[in-house]
Amino acid sequence: MTKKLLIIGAGEFADIAYEYFTVDSDYEVVGFAVEAEYLKDGEKFGLPVVALEEAETHFAPAAVEAHVAVTSTKLNRVRARLIGIAKDKGYVLASFVSPHAFVWRTATLGENAFIFENNVIQHGVTIGDGCVIWSGNHIGHQTRIGDYCFLSSHVVISGYCTIGQSCFLGVNASFADNVTLGDDCFVGMAAVVNKSFPDAGQILNGHPVEPSRVTAYRYFRIKA
C-alpha cells in the first residue's frame, strides 16, 4: 500500500527527495512544509506548501509520515533541529534507501536517512539518525556513522571506523581502517585520513590530512 509523506524543506534537496520518493519508493508525497519565515510559495509540484509551525493541522501525524530534506547547512545543525521539531509534532520519520544501493542485511540505519544510488554499505555497519549518504560511497564493515552526518559522493571509509555525529565528509575523502573521527568535523575534498582525529570540531584537509587552526565551530559560526 502507498504511504503518505510530508517533505519538510522546499529547496533543491526537497526537490530531489520528491523525485526519489515518488519514483523509487512506496510513498506518495502529499505536501511540503517550511518554517513560516521562509514560506514564499503556497504550492510546489502541484502540492501544498504549508508553514511547519502548523503542519499537523494540514497533515495529521497519524496519517502522514515526514522526511526532513535539508542538506548540511550549519554543519548539519539545521537538519537536526528540524528533525527534532517533526518528532515533537508526533511524525514518524521516513527514510529513503535507493533500490540501486547495496545495503547488507546486517547493516542498521537510523530514522530520516537518505541513501542515494550506488552506495555500498557493508556487513555490520551502523548509520545513525538523520544521515545523508550521497551517491557512490563505500562504507566498510563494522563502521559506525554518528547521527546527522553528511557524506558527499565517492567517500571511501574502510572497516572498523567511527565517524562522530554531525560530520561532513567531502567528495573523494578516504579513511584507513580503524580511524576515529570526533563529532562536528569537516573533512575536505579528496582528503586522506590515515589516523584518528578524535577531538571535536576539526577541519581536516590534505594528503594526508592536517588539522586547520580554525575550528569548524568558528568557520560555520555555530556553538559546540
N, C-alpha and C. Protein backbone atom coordinates (compact mmCIF):
# COMPACT_ATOMS: atom_id res chain seq x y z
N MET A 1 0.83 -1.19 0.00
CA MET A 1 0.00 0.00 0.00
C MET A 1 0.88 1.25 0.00
N THR A 2 0.45 2.29 -0.71
CA THR A 2 1.17 3.54 -0.76
C THR A 2 1.02 4.29 0.56
N LYS A 3 2.13 4.77 1.09
CA LYS A 3 2.11 5.57 2.32
C LYS A 3 2.24 7.04 1.97
N LYS A 4 1.65 7.89 2.77
CA LYS A 4 1.65 9.33 2.50
C LYS A 4 2.83 9.98 3.22
N LEU A 5 3.43 10.97 2.55
CA LEU A 5 4.66 11.58 3.05
C LEU A 5 4.62 13.10 2.93
N LEU A 6 4.99 13.77 4.00
CA LEU A 6 5.21 15.21 4.02
C LEU A 6 6.71 15.46 3.98
N ILE A 7 7.16 16.25 3.03
CA ILE A 7 8.57 16.62 2.95
C ILE A 7 8.76 17.95 3.66
N ILE A 8 9.67 17.98 4.62
CA ILE A 8 9.99 19.21 5.33
C ILE A 8 11.22 19.81 4.68
N GLY A 9 11.02 20.97 4.06
CA GLY A 9 12.04 21.61 3.23
C GLY A 9 11.42 21.99 1.90
N ALA A 10 12.00 22.98 1.22
CA ALA A 10 11.47 23.39 -0.08
C ALA A 10 12.57 23.82 -1.03
N GLY A 11 13.81 23.47 -0.73
CA GLY A 11 14.93 23.81 -1.59
C GLY A 11 15.25 22.70 -2.57
N GLU A 12 16.47 22.73 -3.09
CA GLU A 12 16.87 21.76 -4.10
C GLU A 12 16.84 20.33 -3.57
N PHE A 13 17.27 20.13 -2.32
CA PHE A 13 17.25 18.77 -1.78
C PHE A 13 15.81 18.28 -1.61
N ALA A 14 14.89 19.18 -1.27
CA ALA A 14 13.48 18.78 -1.18
C ALA A 14 12.97 18.36 -2.56
N ASP A 15 13.41 19.07 -3.62
CA ASP A 15 13.04 18.68 -4.98
C ASP A 15 13.55 17.28 -5.30
N ILE A 16 14.81 17.02 -4.92
CA ILE A 16 15.40 15.70 -5.16
C ILE A 16 14.64 14.64 -4.37
N ALA A 17 14.34 14.93 -3.11
CA ALA A 17 13.61 13.97 -2.28
C ALA A 17 12.25 13.66 -2.88
N TYR A 18 11.57 14.69 -3.37
CA TYR A 18 10.27 14.47 -4.02
C TYR A 18 10.41 13.51 -5.20
N GLU A 19 11.41 13.73 -6.04
CA GLU A 19 11.63 12.88 -7.21
C GLU A 19 11.94 11.44 -6.80
N TYR A 20 12.85 11.26 -5.85
CA TYR A 20 13.27 9.92 -5.47
C TYR A 20 12.17 9.16 -4.74
N PHE A 21 11.50 9.82 -3.80
CA PHE A 21 10.41 9.14 -3.10
C PHE A 21 9.28 8.78 -4.06
N THR A 22 9.02 9.66 -5.04
CA THR A 22 7.92 9.43 -5.98
C THR A 22 8.22 8.28 -6.93
N VAL A 23 9.44 8.23 -7.43
CA VAL A 23 9.79 7.25 -8.47
C VAL A 23 10.22 5.91 -7.88
N ASP A 24 10.93 5.94 -6.75
CA ASP A 24 11.61 4.73 -6.27
C ASP A 24 11.24 4.34 -4.85
N SER A 25 10.02 4.62 -4.42
CA SER A 25 9.59 4.17 -3.10
C SER A 25 8.09 3.91 -3.12
N ASP A 26 7.58 3.41 -2.00
CA ASP A 26 6.15 3.18 -1.89
C ASP A 26 5.45 4.33 -1.16
N TYR A 27 6.08 5.52 -1.16
CA TYR A 27 5.48 6.70 -0.58
C TYR A 27 4.84 7.58 -1.65
N GLU A 28 3.76 8.23 -1.28
CA GLU A 28 3.16 9.29 -2.10
C GLU A 28 3.37 10.61 -1.37
N VAL A 29 4.12 11.51 -1.98
CA VAL A 29 4.34 12.82 -1.39
C VAL A 29 3.05 13.63 -1.50
N VAL A 30 2.57 14.15 -0.37
CA VAL A 30 1.29 14.88 -0.36
C VAL A 30 1.46 16.36 -0.08
N GLY A 31 2.67 16.79 0.29
CA GLY A 31 2.87 18.21 0.55
C GLY A 31 4.25 18.50 1.07
N PHE A 32 4.49 19.79 1.28
CA PHE A 32 5.77 20.28 1.79
C PHE A 32 5.51 21.22 2.96
N ALA A 33 6.50 21.34 3.84
CA ALA A 33 6.39 22.26 4.96
C ALA A 33 7.73 22.97 5.16
N VAL A 34 7.68 24.26 5.42
CA VAL A 34 8.88 25.04 5.75
C VAL A 34 8.53 25.96 6.91
N GLU A 35 9.54 26.40 7.62
CA GLU A 35 9.28 27.35 8.70
C GLU A 35 8.68 28.62 8.12
N ALA A 36 7.78 29.23 8.86
CA ALA A 36 6.95 30.32 8.35
C ALA A 36 7.78 31.46 7.76
N GLU A 37 8.92 31.77 8.34
CA GLU A 37 9.72 32.89 7.84
C GLU A 37 10.30 32.62 6.45
N TYR A 38 10.33 31.35 6.04
CA TYR A 38 10.86 31.00 4.71
C TYR A 38 9.75 30.61 3.74
N LEU A 39 8.51 30.73 4.15
CA LEU A 39 7.38 30.34 3.30
C LEU A 39 7.12 31.43 2.26
N LYS A 40 7.43 31.11 0.99
CA LYS A 40 7.27 32.09 -0.09
C LYS A 40 6.15 31.70 -1.04
N ASP A 41 6.06 30.43 -1.37
CA ASP A 41 5.06 29.96 -2.32
C ASP A 41 4.15 28.96 -1.63
N GLY A 42 2.89 28.97 -1.99
CA GLY A 42 1.92 28.06 -1.39
C GLY A 42 1.77 26.75 -2.11
N GLU A 43 2.58 26.55 -3.17
CA GLU A 43 2.44 25.34 -3.97
C GLU A 43 3.78 24.93 -4.55
N LYS A 44 3.99 23.63 -4.65
CA LYS A 44 5.21 23.08 -5.25
C LYS A 44 4.85 21.76 -5.90
N PHE A 45 5.17 21.60 -7.17
CA PHE A 45 4.80 20.39 -7.92
C PHE A 45 3.31 20.09 -7.82
N GLY A 46 2.51 21.17 -7.73
CA GLY A 46 1.07 20.99 -7.63
C GLY A 46 0.58 20.57 -6.26
N LEU A 47 1.48 20.58 -5.28
CA LEU A 47 1.15 20.17 -3.91
C LEU A 47 1.25 21.36 -2.97
N PRO A 48 0.50 21.35 -1.87
CA PRO A 48 0.53 22.49 -0.95
C PRO A 48 1.85 22.59 -0.20
N VAL A 49 2.28 23.84 0.02
CA VAL A 49 3.41 24.14 0.89
C VAL A 49 2.86 24.90 2.08
N VAL A 50 3.07 24.38 3.29
CA VAL A 50 2.48 24.98 4.49
C VAL A 50 3.58 25.36 5.47
N ALA A 51 3.22 26.19 6.43
CA ALA A 51 4.16 26.55 7.49
C ALA A 51 4.37 25.35 8.41
N LEU A 52 5.63 25.06 8.70
CA LEU A 52 5.94 23.92 9.56
C LEU A 52 5.28 24.06 10.93
N GLU A 53 5.17 25.29 11.40
CA GLU A 53 4.60 25.53 12.72
C GLU A 53 3.18 24.99 12.85
N GLU A 54 2.46 24.90 11.74
CA GLU A 54 1.08 24.41 11.78
C GLU A 54 0.87 23.20 10.87
N ALA A 55 1.95 22.49 10.56
CA ALA A 55 1.88 21.38 9.60
C ALA A 55 0.89 20.31 10.03
N GLU A 56 0.82 20.03 11.34
CA GLU A 56 -0.03 18.94 11.82
C GLU A 56 -1.52 19.25 11.63
N THR A 57 -1.88 20.52 11.44
CA THR A 57 -3.29 20.84 11.18
C THR A 57 -3.67 20.57 9.73
N HIS A 58 -2.69 20.47 8.87
CA HIS A 58 -2.92 20.16 7.46
C HIS A 58 -2.63 18.69 7.15
N PHE A 59 -1.63 18.13 7.81
CA PHE A 59 -1.20 16.75 7.56
C PHE A 59 -1.07 16.05 8.91
N ALA A 60 -2.09 15.29 9.27
CA ALA A 60 -2.15 14.67 10.59
C ALA A 60 -1.03 13.64 10.75
N PRO A 61 -0.25 13.72 11.82
CA PRO A 61 0.83 12.74 12.03
C PRO A 61 0.34 11.30 12.11
N ALA A 62 -0.92 11.09 12.45
CA ALA A 62 -1.45 9.73 12.50
C ALA A 62 -1.62 9.13 11.11
N ALA A 63 -1.68 9.99 10.09
CA ALA A 63 -1.95 9.51 8.73
C ALA A 63 -0.80 9.75 7.76
N VAL A 64 0.12 10.61 8.12
CA VAL A 64 1.19 11.04 7.20
C VAL A 64 2.53 10.94 7.92
N GLU A 65 3.51 10.35 7.27
CA GLU A 65 4.88 10.36 7.77
C GLU A 65 5.60 11.60 7.24
N ALA A 66 6.80 11.86 7.74
CA ALA A 66 7.54 13.05 7.33
C ALA A 66 8.99 12.69 7.04
N HIS A 67 9.60 13.50 6.17
CA HIS A 67 11.04 13.37 5.93
C HIS A 67 11.62 14.78 5.83
N VAL A 68 12.65 15.04 6.62
CA VAL A 68 13.32 16.34 6.59
C VAL A 68 14.39 16.29 5.51
N ALA A 69 14.19 17.07 4.45
CA ALA A 69 15.09 17.07 3.29
C ALA A 69 15.87 18.39 3.27
N VAL A 70 16.92 18.42 4.06
CA VAL A 70 17.78 19.59 4.18
C VAL A 70 19.22 19.09 4.13
N THR A 71 20.10 19.84 3.49
CA THR A 71 21.48 19.38 3.32
C THR A 71 22.31 19.64 4.58
N SER A 72 23.57 20.04 4.41
CA SER A 72 24.49 20.13 5.55
C SER A 72 24.59 21.53 6.13
N THR A 73 23.58 22.36 5.91
CA THR A 73 23.60 23.75 6.38
C THR A 73 23.98 23.84 7.86
N LYS A 74 24.89 24.77 8.16
CA LYS A 74 25.37 24.98 9.53
C LYS A 74 25.90 23.67 10.13
N LEU A 75 26.68 22.96 9.35
CA LEU A 75 27.27 21.68 9.77
C LEU A 75 26.19 20.74 10.30
N ASN A 76 25.13 20.61 9.51
CA ASN A 76 24.03 19.69 9.77
C ASN A 76 23.12 20.10 10.92
N ARG A 77 23.36 21.27 11.51
CA ARG A 77 22.54 21.71 12.64
C ARG A 77 21.08 21.95 12.24
N VAL A 78 20.87 22.51 11.06
CA VAL A 78 19.50 22.84 10.63
C VAL A 78 18.69 21.56 10.45
N ARG A 79 19.27 20.56 9.79
CA ARG A 79 18.56 19.30 9.60
C ARG A 79 18.24 18.65 10.94
N ALA A 80 19.20 18.64 11.85
CA ALA A 80 18.97 18.04 13.17
C ALA A 80 17.85 18.76 13.92
N ARG A 81 17.84 20.09 13.85
CA ARG A 81 16.81 20.85 14.56
C ARG A 81 15.43 20.58 13.99
N LEU A 82 15.31 20.53 12.67
CA LEU A 82 14.01 20.29 12.05
C LEU A 82 13.52 18.87 12.30
N ILE A 83 14.43 17.92 12.37
CA ILE A 83 14.04 16.55 12.73
C ILE A 83 13.45 16.54 14.13
N GLY A 84 14.08 17.29 15.04
CA GLY A 84 13.55 17.37 16.39
C GLY A 84 12.16 17.97 16.43
N ILE A 85 11.92 19.00 15.63
CA ILE A 85 10.59 19.62 15.56
C ILE A 85 9.57 18.63 15.03
N ALA A 86 9.92 17.92 13.97
CA ALA A 86 8.99 16.94 13.39
C ALA A 86 8.64 15.84 14.39
N LYS A 87 9.62 15.37 15.14
CA LYS A 87 9.36 14.34 16.14
C LYS A 87 8.47 14.87 17.27
N ASP A 88 8.73 16.11 17.68
CA ASP A 88 7.90 16.70 18.72
C ASP A 88 6.44 16.83 18.29
N LYS A 89 6.21 16.98 17.00
CA LYS A 89 4.85 17.07 16.48
C LYS A 89 4.20 15.69 16.33
N GLY A 90 4.96 14.64 16.56
CA GLY A 90 4.41 13.30 16.51
C GLY A 90 4.57 12.57 15.19
N TYR A 91 5.36 13.13 14.26
CA TYR A 91 5.53 12.47 12.97
C TYR A 91 6.50 11.28 13.07
N VAL A 92 6.15 10.21 12.40
CA VAL A 92 7.08 9.13 12.14
C VAL A 92 7.99 9.61 11.01
N LEU A 93 9.29 9.44 11.18
CA LEU A 93 10.24 9.93 10.19
C LEU A 93 10.62 8.83 9.21
N ALA A 94 10.33 9.07 7.96
CA ALA A 94 10.59 8.10 6.90
C ALA A 94 12.03 8.21 6.40
N SER A 95 12.57 7.10 5.97
CA SER A 95 13.88 7.07 5.32
C SER A 95 13.71 6.68 3.87
N PHE A 96 14.67 7.13 3.05
CA PHE A 96 14.73 6.68 1.66
C PHE A 96 16.01 5.88 1.47
N VAL A 97 15.87 4.70 0.95
CA VAL A 97 17.02 3.86 0.59
C VAL A 97 16.84 3.47 -0.87
N SER A 98 17.71 3.96 -1.72
CA SER A 98 17.58 3.67 -3.15
C SER A 98 17.63 2.17 -3.41
N PRO A 99 16.75 1.67 -4.27
CA PRO A 99 16.83 0.26 -4.64
C PRO A 99 18.10 -0.05 -5.43
N HIS A 100 18.83 0.99 -5.81
CA HIS A 100 20.09 0.81 -6.54
C HIS A 100 21.29 0.94 -5.61
N ALA A 101 21.05 0.95 -4.31
CA ALA A 101 22.13 0.90 -3.31
C ALA A 101 22.26 -0.53 -2.80
N PHE A 102 23.47 -0.89 -2.38
CA PHE A 102 23.70 -2.20 -1.78
C PHE A 102 23.84 -2.01 -0.28
N VAL A 103 22.86 -2.49 0.46
CA VAL A 103 22.88 -2.40 1.92
C VAL A 103 22.80 -3.82 2.47
N TRP A 104 23.88 -4.28 3.10
CA TRP A 104 23.91 -5.65 3.59
C TRP A 104 22.91 -5.81 4.72
N ARG A 105 22.39 -7.03 4.86
CA ARG A 105 21.27 -7.28 5.77
C ARG A 105 21.60 -7.03 7.23
N THR A 106 22.88 -7.04 7.59
CA THR A 106 23.26 -6.81 8.98
C THR A 106 23.56 -5.33 9.26
N ALA A 107 23.43 -4.49 8.27
CA ALA A 107 23.61 -3.05 8.49
C ALA A 107 22.37 -2.49 9.17
N THR A 108 22.55 -1.43 9.95
CA THR A 108 21.47 -0.80 10.68
C THR A 108 21.40 0.68 10.30
N LEU A 109 20.21 1.13 9.92
CA LEU A 109 20.02 2.53 9.52
C LEU A 109 19.07 3.22 10.49
N GLY A 110 19.39 4.45 10.87
CA GLY A 110 18.52 5.23 11.73
C GLY A 110 17.36 5.84 10.97
N GLU A 111 16.56 6.63 11.66
CA GLU A 111 15.41 7.28 11.04
C GLU A 111 15.83 8.51 10.25
N ASN A 112 14.98 8.88 9.30
CA ASN A 112 15.21 10.04 8.44
C ASN A 112 16.57 9.96 7.72
N ALA A 113 16.96 8.76 7.32
CA ALA A 113 18.15 8.60 6.49
C ALA A 113 17.79 8.79 5.03
N PHE A 114 18.76 9.25 4.24
CA PHE A 114 18.58 9.33 2.79
C PHE A 114 19.80 8.70 2.16
N ILE A 115 19.61 7.53 1.56
CA ILE A 115 20.70 6.75 0.97
C ILE A 115 20.52 6.75 -0.54
N PHE A 116 21.41 7.44 -1.24
CA PHE A 116 21.32 7.55 -2.70
C PHE A 116 21.78 6.27 -3.39
N GLU A 117 21.74 6.30 -4.71
CA GLU A 117 22.10 5.16 -5.54
C GLU A 117 23.60 4.87 -5.48
N ASN A 118 23.93 3.61 -5.75
CA ASN A 118 25.31 3.14 -5.93
C ASN A 118 26.16 3.25 -4.67
N ASN A 119 25.53 3.29 -3.52
CA ASN A 119 26.27 3.17 -2.27
C ASN A 119 26.47 1.71 -1.93
N VAL A 120 27.60 1.41 -1.28
CA VAL A 120 27.87 0.08 -0.74
C VAL A 120 28.00 0.22 0.77
N ILE A 121 27.06 -0.41 1.49
CA ILE A 121 27.06 -0.36 2.94
C ILE A 121 27.20 -1.79 3.43
N GLN A 122 28.35 -2.09 4.01
CA GLN A 122 28.72 -3.48 4.24
C GLN A 122 28.22 -4.04 5.57
N HIS A 123 28.59 -5.27 5.81
CA HIS A 123 28.19 -6.04 6.98
C HIS A 123 28.49 -5.30 8.28
N GLY A 124 27.48 -5.21 9.15
CA GLY A 124 27.67 -4.68 10.49
C GLY A 124 27.77 -3.18 10.60
N VAL A 125 27.58 -2.47 9.50
CA VAL A 125 27.65 -1.00 9.54
C VAL A 125 26.44 -0.45 10.30
N THR A 126 26.68 0.60 11.07
CA THR A 126 25.60 1.31 11.75
C THR A 126 25.61 2.76 11.29
N ILE A 127 24.47 3.22 10.79
CA ILE A 127 24.32 4.60 10.35
C ILE A 127 23.24 5.25 11.22
N GLY A 128 23.57 6.37 11.83
CA GLY A 128 22.68 7.00 12.79
C GLY A 128 21.50 7.72 12.17
N ASP A 129 20.74 8.40 13.02
CA ASP A 129 19.57 9.14 12.57
C ASP A 129 19.98 10.35 11.73
N GLY A 130 19.13 10.69 10.77
CA GLY A 130 19.27 11.94 10.04
C GLY A 130 20.48 12.04 9.14
N CYS A 131 21.04 10.92 8.72
CA CYS A 131 22.23 10.94 7.86
C CYS A 131 21.85 11.02 6.38
N VAL A 132 22.65 11.74 5.62
CA VAL A 132 22.53 11.80 4.17
C VAL A 132 23.78 11.16 3.58
N ILE A 133 23.57 10.11 2.79
CA ILE A 133 24.68 9.40 2.14
C ILE A 133 24.49 9.58 0.64
N TRP A 134 25.18 10.55 0.06
CA TRP A 134 25.01 10.86 -1.37
C TRP A 134 25.50 9.69 -2.21
N SER A 135 25.56 9.81 -3.49
CA SER A 135 25.75 8.65 -4.36
C SER A 135 27.20 8.16 -4.40
N GLY A 136 27.35 6.85 -4.52
CA GLY A 136 28.63 6.25 -4.87
C GLY A 136 29.65 6.11 -3.76
N ASN A 137 29.23 5.99 -2.51
CA ASN A 137 30.17 5.84 -1.40
C ASN A 137 30.38 4.37 -1.03
N HIS A 138 31.48 4.10 -0.35
CA HIS A 138 31.76 2.77 0.20
C HIS A 138 31.94 2.92 1.70
N ILE A 139 31.11 2.22 2.47
CA ILE A 139 31.23 2.23 3.93
C ILE A 139 31.57 0.83 4.37
N GLY A 140 32.78 0.65 4.87
CA GLY A 140 33.32 -0.67 5.15
C GLY A 140 32.74 -1.31 6.39
N HIS A 141 32.92 -2.61 6.50
CA HIS A 141 32.33 -3.46 7.52
C HIS A 141 32.61 -2.95 8.93
N GLN A 142 31.56 -3.02 9.76
CA GLN A 142 31.59 -2.68 11.19
C GLN A 142 31.88 -1.20 11.47
N THR A 143 31.77 -0.38 10.47
CA THR A 143 31.95 1.07 10.68
C THR A 143 30.69 1.66 11.29
N ARG A 144 30.87 2.69 12.11
CA ARG A 144 29.76 3.37 12.77
C ARG A 144 29.75 4.84 12.33
N ILE A 145 28.63 5.28 11.80
CA ILE A 145 28.43 6.67 11.39
C ILE A 145 27.46 7.31 12.37
N GLY A 146 27.85 8.40 13.02
CA GLY A 146 27.00 9.03 14.01
C GLY A 146 25.81 9.75 13.40
N ASP A 147 24.92 10.23 14.26
CA ASP A 147 23.72 10.94 13.81
C ASP A 147 24.07 12.20 13.02
N TYR A 148 23.22 12.53 12.07
CA TYR A 148 23.23 13.81 11.34
C TYR A 148 24.51 14.07 10.55
N CYS A 149 25.12 13.01 10.07
CA CYS A 149 26.29 13.19 9.20
C CYS A 149 25.87 13.38 7.75
N PHE A 150 26.76 13.97 6.97
CA PHE A 150 26.54 14.17 5.54
C PHE A 150 27.77 13.68 4.81
N LEU A 151 27.59 12.62 4.00
CA LEU A 151 28.67 12.10 3.17
C LEU A 151 28.43 12.52 1.73
N SER A 152 29.39 13.24 1.16
CA SER A 152 29.31 13.58 -0.25
C SER A 152 29.59 12.32 -1.08
N SER A 153 29.79 12.48 -2.39
CA SER A 153 29.96 11.32 -3.26
C SER A 153 31.38 10.76 -3.22
N HIS A 154 31.47 9.44 -3.42
CA HIS A 154 32.73 8.72 -3.61
C HIS A 154 33.66 8.81 -2.40
N VAL A 155 33.06 8.88 -1.23
CA VAL A 155 33.83 8.74 0.01
C VAL A 155 34.09 7.26 0.25
N VAL A 156 35.31 6.92 0.65
CA VAL A 156 35.66 5.54 0.98
C VAL A 156 36.04 5.49 2.45
N ILE A 157 35.26 4.73 3.22
CA ILE A 157 35.54 4.53 4.64
C ILE A 157 35.85 3.05 4.84
N SER A 158 37.03 2.77 5.31
CA SER A 158 37.44 1.37 5.49
C SER A 158 36.77 0.77 6.73
N GLY A 159 37.12 -0.46 7.05
CA GLY A 159 36.46 -1.18 8.12
C GLY A 159 36.79 -0.67 9.51
N TYR A 160 35.84 -0.89 10.44
CA TYR A 160 36.02 -0.59 11.85
C TYR A 160 36.33 0.87 12.14
N CYS A 161 35.78 1.77 11.32
CA CYS A 161 35.94 3.20 11.58
C CYS A 161 34.77 3.72 12.42
N THR A 162 34.99 4.83 13.09
CA THR A 162 33.94 5.51 13.84
C THR A 162 33.94 6.97 13.42
N ILE A 163 32.82 7.42 12.88
CA ILE A 163 32.65 8.80 12.45
C ILE A 163 31.68 9.47 13.43
N GLY A 164 32.12 10.50 14.11
CA GLY A 164 31.29 11.17 15.10
C GLY A 164 30.08 11.85 14.49
N GLN A 165 29.18 12.29 15.32
CA GLN A 165 27.94 12.87 14.81
C GLN A 165 28.17 14.25 14.19
N SER A 166 27.29 14.59 13.26
CA SER A 166 27.26 15.91 12.61
C SER A 166 28.52 16.23 11.81
N CYS A 167 29.19 15.21 11.31
CA CYS A 167 30.37 15.43 10.48
C CYS A 167 29.97 15.63 9.01
N PHE A 168 30.82 16.32 8.28
CA PHE A 168 30.69 16.47 6.83
C PHE A 168 31.94 15.86 6.20
N LEU A 169 31.73 14.94 5.25
CA LEU A 169 32.85 14.29 4.55
C LEU A 169 32.78 14.67 3.08
N GLY A 170 33.82 15.34 2.60
CA GLY A 170 33.83 15.86 1.24
C GLY A 170 34.04 14.80 0.18
N VAL A 171 33.78 15.16 -1.05
CA VAL A 171 33.90 14.27 -2.21
C VAL A 171 35.30 13.64 -2.26
N ASN A 172 35.32 12.31 -2.43
CA ASN A 172 36.56 11.54 -2.61
C ASN A 172 37.44 11.46 -1.37
N ALA A 173 36.92 11.82 -0.21
CA ALA A 173 37.69 11.62 1.02
C ALA A 173 37.87 10.12 1.28
N SER A 174 39.03 9.75 1.85
CA SER A 174 39.33 8.34 2.09
C SER A 174 39.80 8.15 3.53
N PHE A 175 39.35 7.05 4.15
CA PHE A 175 39.67 6.75 5.54
C PHE A 175 40.30 5.36 5.62
N ALA A 176 41.41 5.26 6.34
CA ALA A 176 42.05 3.97 6.58
C ALA A 176 41.23 3.18 7.60
N ASP A 177 41.57 1.89 7.77
CA ASP A 177 40.93 1.06 8.80
C ASP A 177 41.11 1.65 10.19
N ASN A 178 40.10 1.42 11.04
CA ASN A 178 40.19 1.72 12.47
C ASN A 178 40.41 3.20 12.80
N VAL A 179 39.98 4.07 11.92
CA VAL A 179 40.09 5.51 12.16
C VAL A 179 38.89 5.99 12.97
N THR A 180 39.13 6.86 13.93
CA THR A 180 38.07 7.51 14.69
C THR A 180 38.10 9.00 14.42
N LEU A 181 36.93 9.54 14.12
CA LEU A 181 36.78 10.97 13.85
C LEU A 181 35.81 11.54 14.87
N GLY A 182 36.19 12.65 15.51
CA GLY A 182 35.34 13.26 16.52
C GLY A 182 34.08 13.88 15.94
N ASP A 183 33.17 14.30 16.82
CA ASP A 183 31.95 14.98 16.40
C ASP A 183 32.26 16.29 15.69
N ASP A 184 31.35 16.71 14.82
CA ASP A 184 31.37 18.05 14.22
C ASP A 184 32.62 18.34 13.39
N CYS A 185 33.19 17.33 12.80
CA CYS A 185 34.38 17.55 11.97
C CYS A 185 33.99 17.77 10.51
N PHE A 186 34.79 18.58 9.83
CA PHE A 186 34.61 18.85 8.41
C PHE A 186 35.84 18.33 7.68
N VAL A 187 35.62 17.34 6.81
CA VAL A 187 36.72 16.72 6.07
C VAL A 187 36.62 17.16 4.62
N GLY A 188 37.69 17.77 4.12
CA GLY A 188 37.67 18.37 2.79
C GLY A 188 37.72 17.37 1.65
N MET A 189 37.54 17.90 0.46
CA MET A 189 37.55 17.10 -0.76
C MET A 189 38.89 16.39 -0.94
N ALA A 190 38.81 15.09 -1.25
CA ALA A 190 39.98 14.26 -1.55
C ALA A 190 40.96 14.15 -0.39
N ALA A 191 40.52 14.42 0.81
CA ALA A 191 41.38 14.28 1.99
C ALA A 191 41.70 12.80 2.23
N VAL A 192 42.89 12.54 2.72
CA VAL A 192 43.32 11.18 3.06
C VAL A 192 43.51 11.12 4.57
N VAL A 193 42.62 10.40 5.25
CA VAL A 193 42.64 10.32 6.71
C VAL A 193 43.22 8.96 7.10
N ASN A 194 44.48 8.94 7.47
CA ASN A 194 45.16 7.67 7.75
C ASN A 194 45.45 7.46 9.23
N LYS A 195 44.89 8.32 10.08
CA LYS A 195 44.98 8.14 11.52
C LYS A 195 43.77 8.80 12.17
N SER A 196 43.59 8.56 13.45
CA SER A 196 42.42 9.08 14.14
C SER A 196 42.59 10.55 14.52
N PHE A 197 41.46 11.25 14.49
CA PHE A 197 41.36 12.63 14.96
C PHE A 197 40.14 12.70 15.87
N PRO A 198 40.28 12.28 17.12
CA PRO A 198 39.11 12.13 17.99
C PRO A 198 38.53 13.43 18.54
N ASP A 199 39.29 14.55 18.46
CA ASP A 199 38.79 15.81 19.01
C ASP A 199 37.67 16.37 18.14
N ALA A 200 36.68 16.97 18.76
CA ALA A 200 35.53 17.51 18.05
C ALA A 200 35.87 18.82 17.33
N GLY A 201 35.12 19.09 16.27
CA GLY A 201 35.16 20.39 15.62
C GLY A 201 36.39 20.69 14.81
N GLN A 202 37.04 19.68 14.26
CA GLN A 202 38.24 19.91 13.46
C GLN A 202 37.91 20.05 11.97
N ILE A 203 38.68 20.85 11.28
CA ILE A 203 38.65 20.94 9.82
C ILE A 203 39.90 20.25 9.31
N LEU A 204 39.72 19.23 8.47
CA LEU A 204 40.82 18.38 8.03
C LEU A 204 40.94 18.40 6.52
N ASN A 205 42.11 18.74 6.02
CA ASN A 205 42.38 18.76 4.59
C ASN A 205 43.77 18.21 4.33
N GLY A 206 43.99 17.67 3.11
CA GLY A 206 45.33 17.30 2.70
C GLY A 206 45.52 15.82 2.47
N HIS A 207 46.78 15.46 2.07
CA HIS A 207 47.16 14.09 1.70
C HIS A 207 48.52 13.76 2.33
N PRO A 208 48.59 13.25 3.54
CA PRO A 208 47.50 13.01 4.49
C PRO A 208 47.01 14.31 5.12
N VAL A 209 45.95 14.21 5.86
CA VAL A 209 45.30 15.41 6.36
C VAL A 209 46.11 16.07 7.48
N GLU A 210 45.90 17.38 7.58
CA GLU A 210 46.40 18.16 8.70
C GLU A 210 45.24 19.01 9.21
N PRO A 211 45.10 19.13 10.52
CA PRO A 211 44.02 19.95 11.05
C PRO A 211 44.27 21.43 10.85
N SER A 212 43.21 22.15 10.53
CA SER A 212 43.29 23.60 10.39
C SER A 212 43.37 24.26 11.76
N ARG A 213 43.96 25.45 11.80
CA ARG A 213 43.98 26.22 13.05
C ARG A 213 42.59 26.78 13.37
N VAL A 214 41.75 26.88 12.36
CA VAL A 214 40.38 27.37 12.54
C VAL A 214 39.47 26.18 12.81
N THR A 215 38.69 26.25 13.85
CA THR A 215 37.78 25.15 14.15
C THR A 215 36.54 25.21 13.26
N ALA A 216 35.85 24.08 13.16
CA ALA A 216 34.60 24.05 12.42
C ALA A 216 33.56 24.94 13.08
N TYR A 217 33.60 25.07 14.40
CA TYR A 217 32.64 25.92 15.09
C TYR A 217 32.82 27.39 14.69
N ARG A 218 34.07 27.81 14.62
CA ARG A 218 34.32 29.20 14.21
C ARG A 218 33.98 29.40 12.74
N TYR A 219 34.38 28.44 11.91
CA TYR A 219 34.16 28.59 10.46
C TYR A 219 32.67 28.67 10.12
N PHE A 220 31.87 27.82 10.75
CA PHE A 220 30.43 27.78 10.45
C PHE A 220 29.61 28.66 11.38
N ARG A 221 30.30 29.32 12.31
CA ARG A 221 29.63 30.24 13.25
C ARG A 221 28.50 29.53 14.01
N ILE A 222 28.89 28.42 14.61
CA ILE A 222 27.95 27.64 15.40
C ILE A 222 28.56 27.36 16.76
N LYS A 223 27.73 26.93 17.69
CA LYS A 223 28.20 26.59 19.02
C LYS A 223 28.60 25.12 19.09
N ALA A 224 29.53 24.84 19.96
CA ALA A 224 29.97 23.46 20.14
C ALA A 224 28.87 22.63 20.76
